[in-house]
Amino acid sequence: MLHSTVTSKGQTTIPGEVREALNIKPGDKLEYALEADHVTFRVHSGVRSLRGALASNTGKTLSFPQIREAAAKAANHKRRGR
């Protein structure tokens, strides 16, 4: 099992193996969910997930919520290496 140490300021380093597996990059946001005695987190890749979204005609008829959903799906798809 991977682990890290928490500093006096509440900071920690995410192990490299985890960062690589989840494709975590500088500037990404992490969302935490407390579940009894443990926590899970989800990676939000921020504006990286929108890269290239405005460079083509694809999605021109989509609403903003539809664009956000499509960007999130694309980021998740890319993160999983598919």
N, C-alpha and C. Protein backbone atom coordinates (compact mmCIF):
# COMPACT_ATOMS: atom_id res chain seq x y z
N MET A 1 0.85 -1.18 0.00
CA MET A 1 0.00 0.00 0.00
C MET A 1 0.89 1.24 0.00
N LEU A 2 0.52 2.23 -0.78
CA LEU A 2 1.27 3.48 -0.84
C LEU A 2 0.88 4.38 0.32
N HIS A 3 1.80 5.24 0.75
CA HIS A 3 1.50 6.16 1.84
C HIS A 3 2.32 7.43 1.67
N SER A 4 1.94 8.46 2.42
CA SER A 4 2.70 9.70 2.47
C SER A 4 2.54 10.27 3.87
N THR A 5 3.37 11.25 4.20
CA THR A 5 3.36 11.87 5.53
C THR A 5 2.73 13.25 5.42
N VAL A 6 1.96 13.62 6.44
CA VAL A 6 1.32 14.94 6.49
C VAL A 6 2.22 15.89 7.27
N THR A 7 2.44 17.10 6.73
CA THR A 7 3.26 18.10 7.41
C THR A 7 2.44 18.81 8.48
N SER A 8 3.10 19.67 9.25
CA SER A 8 2.41 20.44 10.29
C SER A 8 1.39 21.40 9.69
N LYS A 9 1.53 21.72 8.41
CA LYS A 9 0.57 22.60 7.72
C LYS A 9 -0.56 21.81 7.06
N GLY A 10 -0.58 20.50 7.25
CA GLY A 10 -1.64 19.68 6.66
C GLY A 10 -1.38 19.32 5.21
N GLN A 11 -0.16 19.48 4.75
CA GLN A 11 0.17 19.19 3.36
C GLN A 11 0.80 17.80 3.25
N THR A 12 0.67 17.21 2.08
CA THR A 12 1.29 15.92 1.81
C THR A 12 1.66 15.86 0.33
N THR A 13 2.48 14.90 -0.01
CA THR A 13 2.85 14.68 -1.40
C THR A 13 2.13 13.42 -1.89
N ILE A 14 1.46 13.54 -3.01
CA ILE A 14 0.80 12.38 -3.60
C ILE A 14 1.90 11.52 -4.23
N PRO A 15 1.98 10.25 -3.87
CA PRO A 15 3.04 9.39 -4.42
C PRO A 15 3.04 9.42 -5.95
N GLY A 16 4.24 9.39 -6.53
CA GLY A 16 4.39 9.44 -7.98
C GLY A 16 3.59 8.39 -8.70
N GLU A 17 3.53 7.17 -8.16
CA GLU A 17 2.78 6.10 -8.80
C GLU A 17 1.30 6.45 -8.92
N VAL A 18 0.76 7.12 -7.89
CA VAL A 18 -0.65 7.54 -7.92
C VAL A 18 -0.84 8.67 -8.93
N ARG A 19 0.08 9.65 -8.90
CA ARG A 19 -0.01 10.77 -9.86
C ARG A 19 0.03 10.28 -11.29
N GLU A 20 0.91 9.32 -11.56
CA GLU A 20 1.01 8.78 -12.92
C GLU A 20 -0.23 7.99 -13.30
N ALA A 21 -0.73 7.16 -12.40
CA ALA A 21 -1.89 6.33 -12.70
C ALA A 21 -3.13 7.17 -12.97
N LEU A 22 -3.27 8.30 -12.25
CA LEU A 22 -4.44 9.16 -12.41
C LEU A 22 -4.17 10.35 -13.32
N ASN A 23 -2.96 10.42 -13.89
CA ASN A 23 -2.56 11.52 -14.77
C ASN A 23 -2.77 12.88 -14.10
N ILE A 24 -2.36 12.97 -12.83
CA ILE A 24 -2.49 14.23 -12.08
C ILE A 24 -1.35 15.14 -12.47
N LYS A 25 -1.70 16.36 -12.86
CA LYS A 25 -0.73 17.35 -13.30
C LYS A 25 -0.83 18.59 -12.41
N PRO A 26 0.21 19.43 -12.37
CA PRO A 26 0.13 20.68 -11.61
C PRO A 26 -1.08 21.50 -12.05
N GLY A 27 -1.80 22.04 -11.09
CA GLY A 27 -2.99 22.84 -11.38
C GLY A 27 -4.28 22.05 -11.33
N ASP A 28 -4.21 20.72 -11.34
CA ASP A 28 -5.41 19.90 -11.22
C ASP A 28 -6.02 20.09 -9.84
N LYS A 29 -7.31 19.96 -9.74
CA LYS A 29 -8.02 20.09 -8.47
C LYS A 29 -8.44 18.70 -8.01
N LEU A 30 -8.40 18.48 -6.70
CA LEU A 30 -8.84 17.22 -6.12
C LEU A 30 -10.11 17.45 -5.32
N GLU A 31 -11.08 16.57 -5.49
CA GLU A 31 -12.34 16.64 -4.76
C GLU A 31 -12.35 15.46 -3.79
N TYR A 32 -12.56 15.74 -2.50
CA TYR A 32 -12.52 14.71 -1.47
C TYR A 32 -13.92 14.35 -1.00
N ALA A 33 -14.12 13.07 -0.71
CA ALA A 33 -15.38 12.59 -0.16
C ALA A 33 -15.07 11.79 1.11
N LEU A 34 -15.56 12.28 2.26
CA LEU A 34 -15.37 11.57 3.52
C LEU A 34 -16.36 10.43 3.63
N GLU A 35 -15.87 9.26 3.96
CA GLU A 35 -16.72 8.08 4.07
C GLU A 35 -16.32 7.32 5.33
N ALA A 36 -16.99 7.64 6.45
CA ALA A 36 -16.71 7.03 7.75
C ALA A 36 -15.24 7.22 8.12
N ASP A 37 -14.44 6.16 8.07
CA ASP A 37 -13.05 6.25 8.52
C ASP A 37 -12.04 6.36 7.38
N HIS A 38 -12.51 6.68 6.17
CA HIS A 38 -11.59 6.85 5.06
C HIS A 38 -12.10 7.93 4.11
N VAL A 39 -11.26 8.28 3.17
CA VAL A 39 -11.62 9.32 2.20
C VAL A 39 -11.28 8.82 0.80
N THR A 40 -12.08 9.22 -0.16
CA THR A 40 -11.76 8.97 -1.55
C THR A 40 -11.61 10.33 -2.21
N PHE A 41 -10.83 10.37 -3.28
CA PHE A 41 -10.73 11.64 -3.98
C PHE A 41 -10.85 11.43 -5.47
N ARG A 42 -11.26 12.49 -6.12
CA ARG A 42 -11.49 12.49 -7.56
C ARG A 42 -10.68 13.63 -8.15
N VAL A 43 -10.13 13.43 -9.32
CA VAL A 43 -9.28 14.44 -9.96
C VAL A 43 -10.11 15.25 -10.94
N HIS A 44 -10.00 16.56 -10.81
CA HIS A 44 -10.58 17.48 -11.79
C HIS A 44 -9.41 18.14 -12.49
N SER A 45 -9.30 17.92 -13.77
CA SER A 45 -8.13 18.41 -14.50
C SER A 45 -8.21 19.88 -14.88
N GLY A 46 -9.19 20.59 -14.38
CA GLY A 46 -9.28 22.02 -14.63
C GLY A 46 -9.42 22.34 -16.11
N VAL A 47 -8.75 23.38 -16.54
CA VAL A 47 -8.88 23.82 -17.92
C VAL A 47 -8.20 22.87 -18.91
N ARG A 48 -7.32 21.97 -18.43
CA ARG A 48 -6.69 21.01 -19.36
C ARG A 48 -7.74 20.18 -20.08
N SER A 49 -8.87 19.90 -19.41
CA SER A 49 -9.89 19.07 -20.04
C SER A 49 -10.57 19.78 -21.20
N LEU A 50 -10.40 21.10 -21.28
CA LEU A 50 -11.03 21.88 -22.36
C LEU A 50 -10.08 22.12 -23.52
N ARG A 51 -8.85 21.65 -23.41
CA ARG A 51 -7.85 21.90 -24.45
C ARG A 51 -8.37 21.43 -25.81
N GLY A 52 -8.38 22.33 -26.76
CA GLY A 52 -8.80 22.01 -28.12
C GLY A 52 -10.30 22.06 -28.32
N ALA A 53 -11.08 22.29 -27.28
CA ALA A 53 -12.54 22.26 -27.40
C ALA A 53 -13.06 23.38 -28.31
N LEU A 54 -12.37 24.49 -28.37
CA LEU A 54 -12.83 25.62 -29.18
C LEU A 54 -12.14 25.69 -30.54
N ALA A 55 -11.31 24.71 -30.84
CA ALA A 55 -10.52 24.77 -32.06
C ALA A 55 -11.24 24.17 -33.27
N SER A 56 -12.44 23.66 -33.10
CA SER A 56 -13.14 23.07 -34.23
C SER A 56 -14.62 23.41 -34.16
N ASN A 57 -15.36 22.94 -35.14
CA ASN A 57 -16.80 23.16 -35.16
C ASN A 57 -17.56 22.16 -34.29
N THR A 58 -16.86 21.15 -33.79
CA THR A 58 -17.50 20.14 -32.95
C THR A 58 -18.10 20.79 -31.72
N GLY A 59 -19.35 20.52 -31.47
CA GLY A 59 -20.00 21.01 -30.26
C GLY A 59 -20.56 22.40 -30.35
N LYS A 60 -20.57 23.01 -31.53
CA LYS A 60 -21.06 24.39 -31.64
C LYS A 60 -22.54 24.52 -31.29
N THR A 61 -23.30 23.44 -31.39
CA THR A 61 -24.73 23.52 -31.07
C THR A 61 -25.03 23.06 -29.65
N LEU A 62 -24.01 22.81 -28.85
CA LEU A 62 -24.21 22.34 -27.48
C LEU A 62 -24.40 23.51 -26.52
N SER A 63 -25.18 23.28 -25.46
CA SER A 63 -25.32 24.27 -24.40
C SER A 63 -24.09 24.19 -23.51
N PHE A 64 -23.90 25.20 -22.66
CA PHE A 64 -22.74 25.20 -21.77
C PHE A 64 -22.72 23.97 -20.86
N PRO A 65 -23.84 23.57 -20.23
CA PRO A 65 -23.81 22.34 -19.41
C PRO A 65 -23.45 21.10 -20.22
N GLN A 66 -23.89 21.04 -21.47
CA GLN A 66 -23.54 19.90 -22.33
C GLN A 66 -22.04 19.90 -22.65
N ILE A 67 -21.49 21.08 -22.85
CA ILE A 67 -20.05 21.19 -23.13
C ILE A 67 -19.26 20.76 -21.91
N ARG A 68 -19.67 21.20 -20.71
CA ARG A 68 -18.98 20.79 -19.48
C ARG A 68 -19.04 19.29 -19.29
N GLU A 69 -20.19 18.69 -19.55
CA GLU A 69 -20.33 17.24 -19.41
C GLU A 69 -19.43 16.51 -20.41
N ALA A 70 -19.41 16.99 -21.66
CA ALA A 70 -18.56 16.37 -22.68
C ALA A 70 -17.08 16.50 -22.32
N ALA A 71 -16.69 17.66 -21.79
CA ALA A 71 -15.29 17.86 -21.39
C ALA A 71 -14.92 16.94 -20.24
N ALA A 72 -15.81 16.77 -19.27
CA ALA A 72 -15.55 15.87 -18.14
C ALA A 72 -15.41 14.43 -18.61
N LYS A 73 -16.28 14.02 -19.53
CA LYS A 73 -16.20 12.66 -20.07
C LYS A 73 -14.90 12.45 -20.83
N ALA A 74 -14.49 13.45 -21.61
CA ALA A 74 -13.25 13.35 -22.37
C ALA A 74 -12.05 13.27 -21.44
N ALA A 75 -12.06 14.06 -20.36
CA ALA A 75 -10.96 14.03 -19.41
C ALA A 75 -10.89 12.67 -18.71
N ASN A 76 -12.03 12.13 -18.31
CA ASN A 76 -12.06 10.82 -17.66
C ASN A 76 -11.59 9.74 -18.62
N HIS A 77 -12.02 9.85 -19.85
CA HIS A 77 -11.63 8.86 -20.88
C HIS A 77 -10.12 8.90 -21.08
N LYS A 78 -9.56 10.11 -21.19
CA LYS A 78 -8.12 10.26 -21.39
C LYS A 78 -7.36 9.78 -20.18
N ARG A 79 -7.86 10.10 -18.97
CA ARG A 79 -7.20 9.72 -17.74
C ARG A 79 -7.09 8.21 -17.61
N ARG A 80 -8.09 7.50 -18.10
CA ARG A 80 -8.09 6.03 -18.02
C ARG A 80 -7.26 5.40 -19.11
N GLY A 81 -6.71 6.22 -20.01
CA GLY A 81 -5.82 5.73 -21.06
C GLY A 81 -6.50 5.03 -22.19
N ARG A 82 -7.73 5.40 -22.45
CA ARG A 82 -8.46 4.77 -23.58
C ARG A 82 -8.45 5.63 -24.78
